[in-house]
Amino acid sequence: METVCFMSVCGYQVAVKGIIANFLGNKGIALDVDGVAHYLKCSHTSYKVQMKKLPSGLVHAVLILKLALPSNTNNDGKQNRFLVITKDDRDIRPLFFRHLDEITEIPLHPSWTGWLWNAFKEQEDWLTEQQTLAGDFKGYLFDFHPTNLQDLISGAIRRKVPEIVKCMKYNGGNADGTSNRA
């Protein structure tokens, strides 16, 4: 069984509503893609569903895990999981940083994005690449431990890791924090 993070369905209204209702009713759905059978099930976290009637008379429904939405809060109150979905590889890391910065109380600097991405990849189960059955979307599920993240960052500061400490570099001025520049 595969868990769905994002699903888009288009067709006649009755069929689309039936597919979504069956899926959300924890019955899941079976799908054949290029001769390979896939059995899709609901995630244990909640979804947001949007439906829109198209000018053609057909209906388009999009179902997405709430973990992918800004300001998400898991059912258990923890905010240490989020999902990033995009079509453009260039958006993945900036979206990752923006979500992480939004949900953590740890002060983060945008210049740390690459270092943080690699740190998440090195930790067991902190970054899981999601697979797509149709289309060219990329998805990544992040599940981290805030205390462990804080320890990683603190350790990098103590070791003076260049990617982390370069934003703290002294750029001139007086010892009291003021500058002689006008």
Protein backbone atom coordinates (compact mmCIF):
# COMPACT_ATOMS: atom_id res chain seq x y z
CA MET A 1 0.00 0.00 0.00
CA GLU A 2 1.20 3.47 -0.88
CA THR A 3 0.19 6.62 1.00
CA VAL A 4 -1.08 9.62 -0.96
CA CYS A 5 0.37 13.08 -0.32
CA PHE A 6 -1.13 14.87 -3.32
CA MET A 7 -3.82 13.77 -5.77
CA SER A 8 -5.53 15.55 -8.65
CA VAL A 9 -8.70 14.10 -10.20
CA CYS A 10 -10.68 15.49 -13.11
CA GLY A 11 -13.88 14.21 -14.70
CA TYR A 12 -17.63 14.14 -14.32
CA GLN A 13 -18.79 15.53 -10.98
CA VAL A 14 -20.35 12.30 -9.72
CA ALA A 15 -17.26 10.26 -10.59
CA VAL A 16 -14.80 12.75 -9.04
CA LYS A 17 -16.82 13.06 -5.84
CA GLY A 18 -17.13 9.27 -5.68
CA ILE A 19 -13.38 8.75 -6.05
CA ILE A 20 -12.58 11.34 -3.37
CA ALA A 21 -15.28 10.03 -0.99
CA ASN A 22 -14.14 6.43 -1.42
CA PHE A 23 -10.53 7.40 -0.88
CA LEU A 24 -11.21 9.52 2.23
CA GLY A 25 -13.51 6.85 3.63
CA ASN A 26 -10.33 4.84 4.32
CA LYS A 27 -11.17 2.35 1.63
CA GLY A 28 -8.37 3.64 -0.55
CA ILE A 29 -8.25 3.22 -4.30
CA ALA A 30 -6.54 0.93 -6.77
CA LEU A 31 -4.78 2.42 -9.77
CA ASP A 32 -3.06 0.90 -12.80
CA VAL A 33 -0.13 2.91 -14.19
CA ASP A 34 1.66 1.44 -17.21
CA GLY A 35 0.54 -2.08 -16.31
CA VAL A 36 1.65 -1.82 -12.67
CA ALA A 37 -1.03 -2.02 -9.98
CA HIS A 38 -0.85 0.52 -7.16
CA TYR A 39 -3.00 0.42 -4.04
CA LEU A 40 -3.31 3.89 -2.54
CA LYS A 41 -4.38 4.58 1.03
CA CYS A 42 -5.06 7.65 3.13
CA SER A 43 -2.39 9.16 5.32
CA HIS A 44 -2.92 9.11 9.09
CA THR A 45 -2.82 12.94 8.94
CA SER A 46 -5.58 15.05 7.41
CA TYR A 47 -6.08 16.38 3.90
CA LYS A 48 -7.37 19.58 2.38
CA VAL A 49 -9.69 19.06 -0.58
CA GLN A 50 -10.54 21.72 -3.15
CA MET A 51 -13.08 21.18 -5.94
CA LYS A 52 -13.86 23.49 -8.81
CA LYS A 53 -16.32 23.17 -11.65
CA LEU A 54 -14.58 23.86 -14.95
CA PRO A 55 -16.10 25.80 -17.91
CA SER A 56 -16.34 22.45 -19.74
CA GLY A 57 -18.76 21.19 -17.08
CA LEU A 58 -16.22 18.75 -15.67
CA VAL A 59 -14.97 19.00 -12.09
CA HIS A 60 -11.35 19.18 -10.95
CA ALA A 61 -10.51 18.10 -7.39
CA VAL A 62 -7.17 18.47 -5.65
CA LEU A 63 -6.41 16.62 -2.45
CA ILE A 64 -3.25 17.55 -0.53
CA LEU A 65 -1.86 16.68 2.89
CA LYS A 66 -2.27 19.59 5.28
CA LEU A 67 1.42 19.11 6.11
CA ALA A 68 2.18 20.84 2.79
CA LEU A 69 0.26 23.98 3.71
CA PRO A 70 1.79 26.96 5.54
CA SER A 71 1.02 27.18 9.26
CA ASN A 72 0.10 23.50 9.47
CA THR A 73 -0.31 21.89 12.85
CA ASN A 74 -0.41 18.12 13.17
CA ASN A 75 -3.28 16.49 15.02
CA ASP A 76 -0.98 15.70 17.93
CA GLY A 77 0.02 19.36 18.28
CA LYS A 78 3.61 18.74 17.19
CA GLN A 79 4.93 20.94 14.44
CA ASN A 80 7.98 18.96 13.46
CA ARG A 81 6.65 17.49 10.21
CA PHE A 82 6.02 19.18 6.89
CA LEU A 83 5.76 18.37 3.21
CA VAL A 84 7.14 20.26 0.23
CA ILE A 85 5.67 19.65 -3.23
CA THR A 86 6.82 21.46 -6.36
CA LYS A 87 7.27 21.02 -10.10
CA ASP A 88 10.48 23.05 -10.26
CA ASP A 89 13.68 21.67 -8.70
CA ARG A 90 14.87 25.23 -8.03
CA ASP A 91 11.96 25.76 -5.59
CA ILE A 92 12.61 22.75 -3.36
CA ARG A 93 15.31 24.16 -1.08
CA PRO A 94 13.80 27.66 -0.67
CA LEU A 95 10.42 26.07 0.17
CA PHE A 96 12.12 23.70 2.59
CA PHE A 97 13.81 26.60 4.39
CA ARG A 98 10.62 28.69 4.47
CA HIS A 99 8.58 25.86 6.00
CA LEU A 100 11.33 24.98 8.49
CA ASP A 101 11.84 28.59 9.53
CA GLU A 102 8.08 29.02 10.01
CA ILE A 103 7.55 26.02 12.26
CA THR A 104 10.66 26.02 14.41
CA GLU A 105 11.52 28.37 17.26
CA ILE A 106 15.22 27.97 16.46
CA PRO A 107 16.59 31.15 14.85
CA LEU A 108 17.66 30.23 11.31
CA HIS A 109 19.48 32.20 8.61
CA PRO A 110 18.63 31.82 4.88
CA SER A 111 22.32 31.26 4.05
CA TRP A 112 22.09 27.98 5.99
CA THR A 113 19.62 26.44 3.51
CA GLY A 114 22.15 24.17 1.75
CA TRP A 115 23.76 23.08 5.01
CA LEU A 116 20.37 22.37 6.61
CA TRP A 117 19.23 20.38 3.54
CA ASN A 118 22.36 18.20 3.73
CA ALA A 119 21.98 17.83 7.51
CA PHE A 120 18.40 16.61 7.04
CA LYS A 121 19.55 14.12 4.38
CA GLU A 122 22.22 12.73 6.72
CA GLN A 123 19.78 12.10 9.58
CA GLU A 124 17.77 8.90 9.54
CA ASP A 125 14.15 9.50 8.41
CA TRP A 126 14.37 13.31 8.55
CA LEU A 127 13.97 13.66 4.76
CA THR A 128 11.98 11.20 2.68
CA GLU A 129 11.61 11.72 -1.06
CA GLN A 130 8.07 11.06 -2.23
CA GLN A 131 7.34 9.24 -5.49
CA THR A 132 4.85 10.31 -8.14
CA LEU A 133 2.77 7.93 -10.21
CA ALA A 134 1.77 10.47 -12.86
CA GLY A 135 3.09 13.92 -13.66
CA ASP A 136 6.38 15.54 -12.82
CA PHE A 137 5.87 16.78 -9.28
CA LYS A 138 8.62 16.37 -6.69
CA GLY A 139 7.77 15.90 -3.05
CA TYR A 140 9.75 15.64 0.15
CA LEU A 141 8.43 14.77 3.59
CA PHE A 142 10.42 16.19 6.51
CA ASP A 143 10.13 14.76 10.01
CA PHE A 144 12.66 16.14 12.46
CA HIS A 145 13.28 16.44 16.15
CA PRO A 146 13.63 20.11 17.23
CA THR A 147 16.05 19.32 20.06
CA ASN A 148 18.25 17.29 17.72
CA LEU A 149 18.11 20.07 15.11
CA GLN A 150 19.17 22.60 17.73
CA ASP A 151 22.04 20.31 18.76
CA LEU A 152 23.18 20.00 15.11
CA ILE A 153 23.18 23.77 14.63
CA SER A 154 24.90 24.42 17.99
CA GLY A 155 27.56 21.86 17.13
CA ALA A 156 28.14 23.50 13.74
CA ILE A 157 28.55 26.90 15.42
CA ARG A 158 31.02 25.46 17.97
CA ARG A 159 33.02 23.82 15.14
CA LYS A 160 32.81 27.07 13.15
CA VAL A 161 31.35 25.36 10.07
CA PRO A 162 31.79 27.99 7.31
CA GLU A 163 28.23 27.62 5.92
CA ILE A 164 26.84 28.45 9.36
CA VAL A 165 29.21 31.09 10.75
CA LYS A 166 29.70 33.19 7.61
CA CYS A 167 26.45 35.09 8.34
CA MET A 168 27.92 36.06 11.72
CA LYS A 169 31.09 37.57 10.27
CA TYR A 170 32.03 41.00 11.56
CA ASN A 171 31.57 43.56 8.77
CA GLY A 172 33.25 46.56 10.33
CA GLY A 173 32.08 49.40 12.53
CA ASN A 174 32.86 50.42 16.07
CA ALA A 175 33.14 48.04 18.98
CA ASP A 176 29.84 49.36 20.37
CA GLY A 177 27.85 48.18 17.33
CA THR A 178 27.69 51.58 15.62
CA SER A 179 29.22 52.43 12.27
CA ASN A 180 31.17 55.45 11.06
CA ARG A 181 29.50 55.19 7.66
CA ALA A 182 26.97 57.85 6.77
